[in-house]
Amino acid sequence: MKIIVQTPGGLGEILQSARKARGMTQAQAAAHLGIGQPRLSALETTGAASLSLEQMLALFALYGLELCVQSREVAAGAPEW
């Protein structure tokens, strides 16, 4: 599955869905990262919480996700150079 994230709120929705798919509570996921549950809740509901890149990558790994970065031109189907 490939999902394009365009807003912090969009990322929060994806992370919430992935957490639920893993059968985890916010408290369980937050404890794994060493952050408080309210901070994870803020990330999932408003996208307003700030996490370090290290914490974000750990959250992706916990949920079985990976981060992929590509140019918008490639994503839109423009020829690669």
PDB file of N, CA and C in Angstrom:
ATOM      1  N   MET A   1       0.838  -1.169   0.000  1.00  0.00           N
ATOM      2  CA  MET A   1       0.000   0.000   0.000  1.00  0.00           C
ATOM      3  C   MET A   1       0.889   1.240   0.000  1.00  0.00           C
ATOM      4  N   LYS A   2       0.559   2.215  -0.808  1.00  0.00           N
ATOM      5  CA  LYS A   2       1.301   3.471  -0.875  1.00  0.00           C
ATOM      6  C   LYS A   2       0.336   4.601  -0.567  1.00  0.00           C
ATOM      7  N   ILE A   3       0.691   5.438   0.404  1.00  0.00           N
ATOM      8  CA  ILE A   3      -0.142   6.556   0.802  1.00  0.00           C
ATOM      9  C   ILE A   3       0.708   7.818   0.754  1.00  0.00           C
ATOM     10  N   ILE A   4       0.201   8.861   0.133  1.00  0.00           N
ATOM     11  CA  ILE A   4       0.904  10.129   0.074  1.00  0.00           C
ATOM     12  C   ILE A   4       0.417  11.005   1.222  1.00  0.00           C
ATOM     13  N   VAL A   5       1.348  11.448   2.043  1.00  0.00           N
ATOM     14  CA  VAL A   5       1.032  12.290   3.192  1.00  0.00           C
ATOM     15  C   VAL A   5       1.281  13.738   2.804  1.00  0.00           C
ATOM     16  N   GLN A   6       0.243  14.559   2.948  1.00  0.00           N
ATOM     17  CA  GLN A   6       0.380  15.961   2.572  1.00  0.00           C
ATOM     18  C   GLN A   6       0.236  16.916   3.745  1.00  0.00           C
ATOM     19  N   THR A   7      -0.260  16.423   4.869  1.00  0.00           N
ATOM     20  CA  THR A   7      -0.451  17.267   6.044  1.00  0.00           C
ATOM     21  C   THR A   7      -0.087  16.486   7.306  1.00  0.00           C
ATOM     22  N   PRO A   8       0.247  17.179   8.385  1.00  0.00           N
ATOM     23  CA  PRO A   8       0.490  16.484   9.648  1.00  0.00           C
ATOM     24  C   PRO A   8      -0.735  15.681  10.103  1.00  0.00           C
ATOM     25  N   GLY A   9      -1.921  16.229   9.896  1.00  0.00           N
ATOM     26  CA  GLY A   9      -3.146  15.513  10.270  1.00  0.00           C
ATOM     27  C   GLY A   9      -3.308  14.225   9.488  1.00  0.00           C
ATOM     28  N   GLY A  10      -2.927  14.261   8.211  1.00  0.00           N
ATOM     29  CA  GLY A  10      -2.997  13.055   7.384  1.00  0.00           C
ATOM     30  C   GLY A  10      -2.069  11.970   7.905  1.00  0.00           C
ATOM     31  N   LEU A  11      -0.879  12.376   8.346  1.00  0.00           N
ATOM     32  CA  LEU A  11       0.057  11.416   8.929  1.00  0.00           C
ATOM     33  C   LEU A  11      -0.522  10.842  10.215  1.00  0.00           C
ATOM     34  N   GLY A  12      -1.152  11.686  11.014  1.00  0.00           N
ATOM     35  CA  GLY A  12      -1.764  11.215  12.254  1.00  0.00           C
ATOM     36  C   GLY A  12      -2.824  10.158  12.009  1.00  0.00           C
ATOM     37  N   GLU A  13      -3.646  10.368  10.985  1.00  0.00           N
ATOM     38  CA  GLU A  13      -4.687   9.385  10.652  1.00  0.00           C
ATOM     39  C   GLU A  13      -4.076   8.052  10.230  1.00  0.00           C
ATOM     40  N   ILE A  14      -3.020   8.111   9.447  1.00  0.00           N
ATOM     41  CA  ILE A  14      -2.351   6.888   8.999  1.00  0.00           C
ATOM     42  C   ILE A  14      -1.767   6.147  10.194  1.00  0.00           C
ATOM     43  N   LEU A  15      -1.111   6.872  11.078  1.00  0.00           N
ATOM     44  CA  LEU A  15      -0.511   6.239  12.245  1.00  0.00           C
ATOM     45  C   LEU A  15      -1.563   5.645  13.175  1.00  0.00           C
ATOM     46  N   GLN A  16      -2.678   6.331  13.335  1.00  0.00           N
ATOM     47  CA  GLN A  16      -3.756   5.799  14.177  1.00  0.00           C
ATOM     48  C   GLN A  16      -4.299   4.501  13.580  1.00  0.00           C
ATOM     49  N   SER A  17      -4.525   4.488  12.283  1.00  0.00           N
ATOM     50  CA  SER A  17      -5.029   3.274  11.619  1.00  0.00           C
ATOM     51  C   SER A  17      -4.038   2.123  11.749  1.00  0.00           C
ATOM     52  N   ALA A  18      -2.747   2.423  11.576  1.00  0.00           N
ATOM     53  CA  ALA A  18      -1.731   1.379  11.675  1.00  0.00           C
ATOM     54  C   ALA A  18      -1.641   0.830  13.094  1.00  0.00           C
ATOM     55  N   ARG A  19      -1.741   1.716  14.081  1.00  0.00           N
ATOM     56  CA  ARG A  19      -1.704   1.268  15.477  1.00  0.00           C
ATOM     57  C   ARG A  19      -2.867   0.343  15.779  1.00  0.00           C
ATOM     58  N   LYS A  20      -4.052   0.746  15.353  1.00  0.00           N
ATOM     59  CA  LYS A  20      -5.240  -0.076  15.603  1.00  0.00           C
ATOM     60  C   LYS A  20      -5.156  -1.413  14.875  1.00  0.00           C
ATOM     61  N   ALA A  21      -4.590  -1.405  13.671  1.00  0.00           N
ATOM     62  CA  ALA A  21      -4.433  -2.648  12.915  1.00  0.00           C
ATOM     63  C   ALA A  21      -3.500  -3.621  13.636  1.00  0.00           C
ATOM     64  N   ARG A  22      -2.564  -3.075  14.421  1.00  0.00           N
ATOM     65  CA  ARG A  22      -1.643  -3.901  15.205  1.00  0.00           C
ATOM     66  C   ARG A  22      -2.251  -4.309  16.546  1.00  0.00           C
ATOM     67  N   GLY A  23      -3.467  -3.827  16.832  1.00  0.00           N
ATOM     68  CA  GLY A  23      -4.138  -4.174  18.080  1.00  0.00           C
ATOM     69  C   GLY A  23      -3.510  -3.532  19.303  1.00  0.00           C
ATOM     70  N   MET A  24      -2.911  -2.357  19.110  1.00  0.00           N
ATOM     71  CA  MET A  24      -2.233  -1.676  20.205  1.00  0.00           C
ATOM     72  C   MET A  24      -3.041  -0.479  20.693  1.00  0.00           C
ATOM     73  N   THR A  25      -2.930  -0.206  21.974  1.00  0.00           N
ATOM     74  CA  THR A  25      -3.517   1.010  22.527  1.00  0.00           C
ATOM     75  C   THR A  25      -2.506   2.146  22.375  1.00  0.00           C
ATOM     76  N   GLN A  26      -2.987   3.363  22.520  1.00  0.00           N
ATOM     77  CA  GLN A  26      -2.078   4.506  22.503  1.00  0.00           C
ATOM     78  C   GLN A  26      -1.064   4.390  23.631  1.00  0.00           C
ATOM     79  N   ALA A  27      -1.512   3.942  24.789  1.00  0.00           N
ATOM     80  CA  ALA A  27      -0.616   3.814  25.942  1.00  0.00           C
ATOM     81  C   ALA A  27       0.500   2.818  25.657  1.00  0.00           C
ATOM     82  N   GLN A  28       0.179   1.707  25.014  1.00  0.00           N
ATOM     83  CA  GLN A  28       1.196   0.703  24.690  1.00  0.00           C
ATOM     84  C   GLN A  28       2.222   1.258  23.698  1.00  0.00           C
ATOM     85  N   ALA A  29       1.731   1.898  22.655  1.00  0.00           N
ATOM     86  CA  ALA A  29       2.629   2.451  21.635  1.00  0.00           C
ATOM     87  C   ALA A  29       3.490   3.559  22.226  1.00  0.00           C
ATOM     88  N   ALA A  30       2.891   4.431  23.012  1.00  0.00           N
ATOM     89  CA  ALA A  30       3.635   5.529  23.627  1.00  0.00           C
ATOM     90  C   ALA A  30       4.714   4.999  24.567  1.00  0.00           C
ATOM     91  N   ALA A  31       4.389   3.977  25.329  1.00  0.00           N
ATOM     92  CA  ALA A  31       5.368   3.393  26.251  1.00  0.00           C
ATOM     93  C   ALA A  31       6.551   2.815  25.482  1.00  0.00           C
ATOM     94  N   HIS A  32       6.285   2.209  24.341  1.00  0.00           N
ATOM     95  CA  HIS A  32       7.358   1.646  23.516  1.00  0.00           C
ATOM     96  C   HIS A  32       8.317   2.735  23.053  1.00  0.00           C
ATOM     97  N   LEU A  33       7.787   3.938  22.788  1.00  0.00           N
ATOM     98  CA  LEU A  33       8.608   5.051  22.319  1.00  0.00           C
ATOM     99  C   LEU A  33       9.220   5.862  23.452  1.00  0.00           C
ATOM    100  N   GLY A  34       8.690   5.678  24.646  1.00  0.00           N
ATOM    101  CA  GLY A  34       9.186   6.466  25.767  1.00  0.00           C
ATOM    102  C   GLY A  34       8.593   7.864  25.813  1.00  0.00           C
ATOM    103  N   ILE A  35       7.363   8.003  25.303  1.00  0.00           N
ATOM    104  CA  ILE A  35       6.653   9.279  25.359  1.00  0.00           C
ATOM    105  C   ILE A  35       5.345   9.056  26.095  1.00  0.00           C
ATOM    106  N   GLY A  36       4.674  10.127  26.444  1.00  0.00           N
ATOM    107  CA  GLY A  36       3.390  10.018  27.126  1.00  0.00           C
ATOM    108  C   GLY A  36       2.249   9.743  26.154  1.00  0.00           C
ATOM    109  N   GLN A  37       1.219   9.084  26.647  1.00  0.00           N
ATOM    110  CA  GLN A  37       0.044   8.791  25.826  1.00  0.00           C
ATOM    111  C   GLN A  37      -0.618  10.058  25.307  1.00  0.00           C
ATOM    112  N   PRO A  38      -0.703  11.136  26.112  1.00  0.00           N
ATOM    113  CA  PRO A  38      -1.319  12.354  25.576  1.00  0.00           C
ATOM    114  C   PRO A  38      -0.575  12.917  24.355  1.00  0.00           C
ATOM    115  N   ARG A  39       0.732  12.760  24.345  1.00  0.00           N
ATOM    116  CA  ARG A  39       1.509  13.251  23.194  1.00  0.00           C
ATOM    117  C   ARG A  39       1.205  12.442  21.940  1.00  0.00           C
ATOM    118  N   LEU A  40       1.096  11.126  22.075  1.00  0.00           N
ATOM    119  CA  LEU A  40       0.746  10.284  20.933  1.00  0.00           C
ATOM    120  C   LEU A  40      -0.683  10.578  20.485  1.00  0.00           C
ATOM    121  N   SER A  41      -1.570  10.808  21.427  1.00  0.00           N
ATOM    122  CA  SER A  41      -2.947  11.157  21.090  1.00  0.00           C
ATOM    123  C   SER A  41      -3.001  12.437  20.272  1.00  0.00           C
ATOM    124  N   ALA A  42      -2.225  13.441  20.688  1.00  0.00           N
ATOM    125  CA  ALA A  42      -2.189  14.707  19.948  1.00  0.00           C
ATOM    126  C   ALA A  42      -1.684  14.494  18.527  1.00  0.00           C
ATOM    127  N   LEU A  43      -0.710  13.634  18.362  1.00  0.00           N
ATOM    128  CA  LEU A  43      -0.189  13.340  17.026  1.00  0.00           C
ATOM    129  C   LEU A  43      -1.267  12.687  16.162  1.00  0.00           C
ATOM    130  N   GLU A  44      -1.965  11.721  16.717  1.00  0.00           N
ATOM    131  CA  GLU A  44      -2.973  10.995  15.950  1.00  0.00           C
ATOM    132  C   GLU A  44      -4.205  11.828  15.634  1.00  0.00           C
ATOM    133  N   THR A  45      -4.606  12.709  16.524  1.00  0.00           N
ATOM    134  CA  THR A  45      -5.870  13.416  16.329  1.00  0.00           C
ATOM    135  C   THR A  45      -5.727  14.754  15.611  1.00  0.00           C
ATOM    136  N   THR A  46      -4.617  15.439  15.833  1.00  0.00           N
ATOM    137  CA  THR A  46      -4.470  16.756  15.211  1.00  0.00           C
ATOM    138  C   THR A  46      -3.202  16.890  14.379  1.00  0.00           C
ATOM    139  N   GLY A  47      -2.295  15.949  14.555  1.00  0.00           N
ATOM    140  CA  GLY A  47      -1.017  16.045  13.873  1.00  0.00           C
ATOM    141  C   GLY A  47      -0.135  17.119  14.461  1.00  0.00           C
ATOM    142  N   ALA A  48      -0.519  17.650  15.638  1.00  0.00           N
ATOM    143  CA  ALA A  48       0.181  18.794  16.208  1.00  0.00           C
ATOM    144  C   ALA A  48       1.355  18.409  17.093  1.00  0.00           C
ATOM    145  N   ALA A  49       1.435  17.180  17.530  1.00  0.00           N
ATOM    146  CA  ALA A  49       2.522  16.784  18.417  1.00  0.00           C
ATOM    147  C   ALA A  49       3.826  16.711  17.636  1.00  0.00           C
ATOM    148  N   SER A  50       4.895  17.063  18.286  1.00  0.00           N
ATOM    149  CA  SER A  50       6.188  16.959  17.615  1.00  0.00           C
ATOM    150  C   SER A  50       6.925  15.738  18.154  1.00  0.00           C
ATOM    151  N   LEU A  51       7.473  14.974  17.243  1.00  0.00           N
ATOM    152  CA  LEU A  51       8.294  13.827  17.595  1.00  0.00           C
ATOM    153  C   LEU A  51       9.627  13.992  16.892  1.00  0.00           C
ATOM    154  N   SER A  52      10.652  13.455  17.486  1.00  0.00           N
ATOM    155  CA  SER A  52      11.944  13.475  16.806  1.00  0.00           C
ATOM    156  C   SER A  52      11.883  12.496  15.640  1.00  0.00           C
ATOM    157  N   LEU A  53      12.793  12.653  14.720  1.00  0.00           N
ATOM    158  CA  LEU A  53      12.849  11.713  13.600  1.00  0.00           C
ATOM    159  C   LEU A  53      13.092  10.303  14.110  1.00  0.00           C
ATOM    160  N   GLU A  54      13.928  10.179  15.127  1.00  0.00           N
ATOM    161  CA  GLU A  54      14.199   8.870  15.713  1.00  0.00           C
ATOM    162  C   GLU A  54      12.921   8.242  16.267  1.00  0.00           C
ATOM    163  N   GLN A  55      12.112   9.036  16.974  1.00  0.00           N
ATOM    164  CA  GLN A  55      10.853   8.525  17.517  1.00  0.00           C
ATOM    165  C   GLN A  55       9.884   8.164  16.398  1.00  0.00           C
ATOM    166  N   MET A  56       9.824   9.006  15.360  1.00  0.00           N
ATOM    167  CA  MET A  56       8.917   8.739  14.241  1.00  0.00           C
ATOM    168  C   MET A  56       9.301   7.443  13.533  1.00  0.00           C
ATOM    169  N   LEU A  57      10.593   7.239  13.290  1.00  0.00           N
ATOM    170  CA  LEU A  57      11.033   6.010  12.635  1.00  0.00           C
ATOM    171  C   LEU A  57      10.774   4.793  13.518  1.00  0.00           C
ATOM    172  N   ALA A  58      10.926   4.944  14.833  1.00  0.00           N
ATOM    173  CA  ALA A  58      10.624   3.845  15.753  1.00  0.00           C
ATOM    174  C   ALA A  58       9.132   3.520  15.719  1.00  0.00           C
ATOM    175  N   LEU A  59       8.299   4.545  15.626  1.00  0.00           N
ATOM    176  CA  LEU A  59       6.851   4.332  15.535  1.00  0.00           C
ATOM    177  C   LEU A  59       6.502   3.616  14.234  1.00  0.00           C
ATOM    178  N   PHE A  60       7.104   4.023  13.127  1.00  0.00           N
ATOM    179  CA  PHE A  60       6.881   3.333  11.851  1.00  0.00           C
ATOM    180  C   PHE A  60       7.265   1.863  11.965  1.00  0.00           C
ATOM    181  N   ALA A  61       8.414   1.581  12.548  1.00  0.00           N
ATOM    182  CA  ALA A  61       8.855   0.194  12.692  1.00  0.00           C
ATOM    183  C   ALA A  61       7.891  -0.599  13.569  1.00  0.00           C
ATOM    184  N   LEU A  62       7.438   0.010  14.656  1.00  0.00           N
ATOM    185  CA  LEU A  62       6.499  -0.646  15.560  1.00  0.00           C
ATOM    186  C   LEU A  62       5.210  -1.025  14.838  1.00  0.00           C
ATOM    187  N   TYR A  63       4.763  -0.176  13.935  1.00  0.00           N
ATOM    188  CA  TYR A  63       3.511  -0.405  13.207  1.00  0.00           C
ATOM    189  C   TYR A  63       3.707  -1.163  11.898  1.00  0.00           C
ATOM    190  N   GLY A  64       4.935  -1.519  11.581  1.00  0.00           N
ATOM    191  CA  GLY A  64       5.184  -2.247  10.342  1.00  0.00           C
ATOM    192  C   GLY A  64       5.129  -1.355   9.112  1.00  0.00           C
ATOM    193  N   LEU A  65       5.469  -0.083   9.279  1.00  0.00           N
ATOM    194  CA  LEU A  65       5.464   0.876   8.177  1.00  0.00           C
ATOM    195  C   LEU A  65       6.898   1.251   7.834  1.00  0.00           C
ATOM    196  N   GLU A  66       7.101   1.835   6.668  1.00  0.00           N
ATOM    197  CA  GLU A  66       8.408   2.367   6.327  1.00  0.00           C
ATOM    198  C   GLU A  66       8.238   3.706   5.646  1.00  0.00           C
ATOM    199  N   LEU A  67       9.257   4.518   5.733  1.00  0.00           N
ATOM    200  CA  LEU A  67       9.241   5.848   5.150  1.00  0.00           C
ATOM    201  C   LEU A  67       9.934   5.789   3.797  1.00  0.00           C
ATOM    202  N   CYS A  68       9.287   6.329   2.778  1.00  0.00           N
ATOM    203  CA  CYS A  68       9.850   6.372   1.436  1.00  0.00           C
ATOM    204  C   CYS A  68       9.735   7.805   0.933  1.00  0.00           C
ATOM    205  N   VAL A  69      10.830   8.357   0.472  1.00  0.00           N
ATOM    206  CA  VAL A  69      10.836   9.720  -0.031  1.00  0.00           C
ATOM    207  C   VAL A  69      11.161   9.683  -1.513  1.00  0.00           C
ATOM    208  N   GLN A  70      10.371  10.404  -2.301  1.00  0.00           N
ATOM    209  CA  GLN A  70      10.634  10.493  -3.727  1.00  0.00           C
ATOM    210  C   GLN A  70      10.226  11.865  -4.217  1.00  0.00           C
ATOM    211  N   SER A  71      10.741  12.252  -5.347  1.00  0.00           N
ATOM    212  CA  SER A  71      10.392  13.565  -5.877  1.00  0.00           C
ATOM    213  C   SER A  71       8.933  13.562  -6.324  1.00  0.00           C
ATOM    214  N   ARG A  72       8.303  14.709  -6.280  1.00  0.00           N
ATOM    215  CA  ARG A  72       6.906  14.805  -6.687  1.00  0.00           C
ATOM    216  C   ARG A  72       6.744  14.500  -8.166  1.00  0.00           C
ATOM    217  N   GLU A  73       7.749  14.835  -8.971  1.00  0.00           N
ATOM    218  CA  GLU A  73       7.655  14.562 -10.400  1.00  0.00           C
ATOM    219  C   GLU A  73       7.546  13.074 -10.672  1.00  0.00           C
ATOM    220  N   VAL A  74       8.322  12.282  -9.940  1.00  0.00           N
ATOM    221  CA  VAL A  74       8.257  10.833 -10.112  1.00  0.00           C
ATOM    222  C   VAL A  74       6.907  10.320  -9.653  1.00  0.00           C
ATOM    223  N   ALA A  75       6.415  10.838  -8.547  1.00  0.00           N
ATOM    224  CA  ALA A  75       5.121  10.418  -8.027  1.00  0.00           C
ATOM    225  C   ALA A  75       3.999  10.766  -8.992  1.00  0.00           C
ATOM    226  N   ALA A  76       4.126  11.874  -9.704  1.00  0.00           N
ATOM    227  CA  ALA A  76       3.084  12.299 -10.623  1.00  0.00           C
ATOM    228  C   ALA A  76       3.194  11.646 -11.996  1.00  0.00           C
ATOM    229  N   GLY A  77       4.220  10.839 -12.197  1.00  0.00           N
ATOM    230  CA  GLY A  77       4.342  10.131 -13.467  1.00  0.00           C
ATOM    231  C   GLY A  77       5.247  10.818 -14.469  1.00  0.00           C
ATOM    232  N   ALA A  78       5.925  11.876 -14.097  1.00  0.00           N
ATOM    233  CA  ALA A  78       6.860  12.537 -15.010  1.00  0.00           C
ATOM    234  C   ALA A  78       8.059  11.647 -15.227  1.00  0.00           C
ATOM    235  N   PRO A  79       8.728  11.778 -16.338  1.00  0.00           N
ATOM    236  CA  PRO A  79       9.880  10.913 -16.587  1.00  0.00           C
ATOM    237  C   PRO A  79      11.000  11.170 -15.583  1.00  0.00           C
ATOM    238  N   GLU A  80      11.682  10.098 -15.205  1.00  0.00           N
ATOM    239  CA  GLU A  80      12.815  10.219 -14.301  1.00  0.00           C
ATOM    240  C   GLU A  80      14.028  10.662 -15.095  1.00  0.00           C
ATOM    241  N   TRP A  81      14.886  11.439 -14.502  1.00  0.00           N
ATOM    242  CA  TRP A  81      16.098  11.913 -15.169  1.00  0.00           C
ATOM    243  C   TRP A  81      17.259  11.133 -14.733  1.00  0.00           C
TER     244      TRP A  81
END
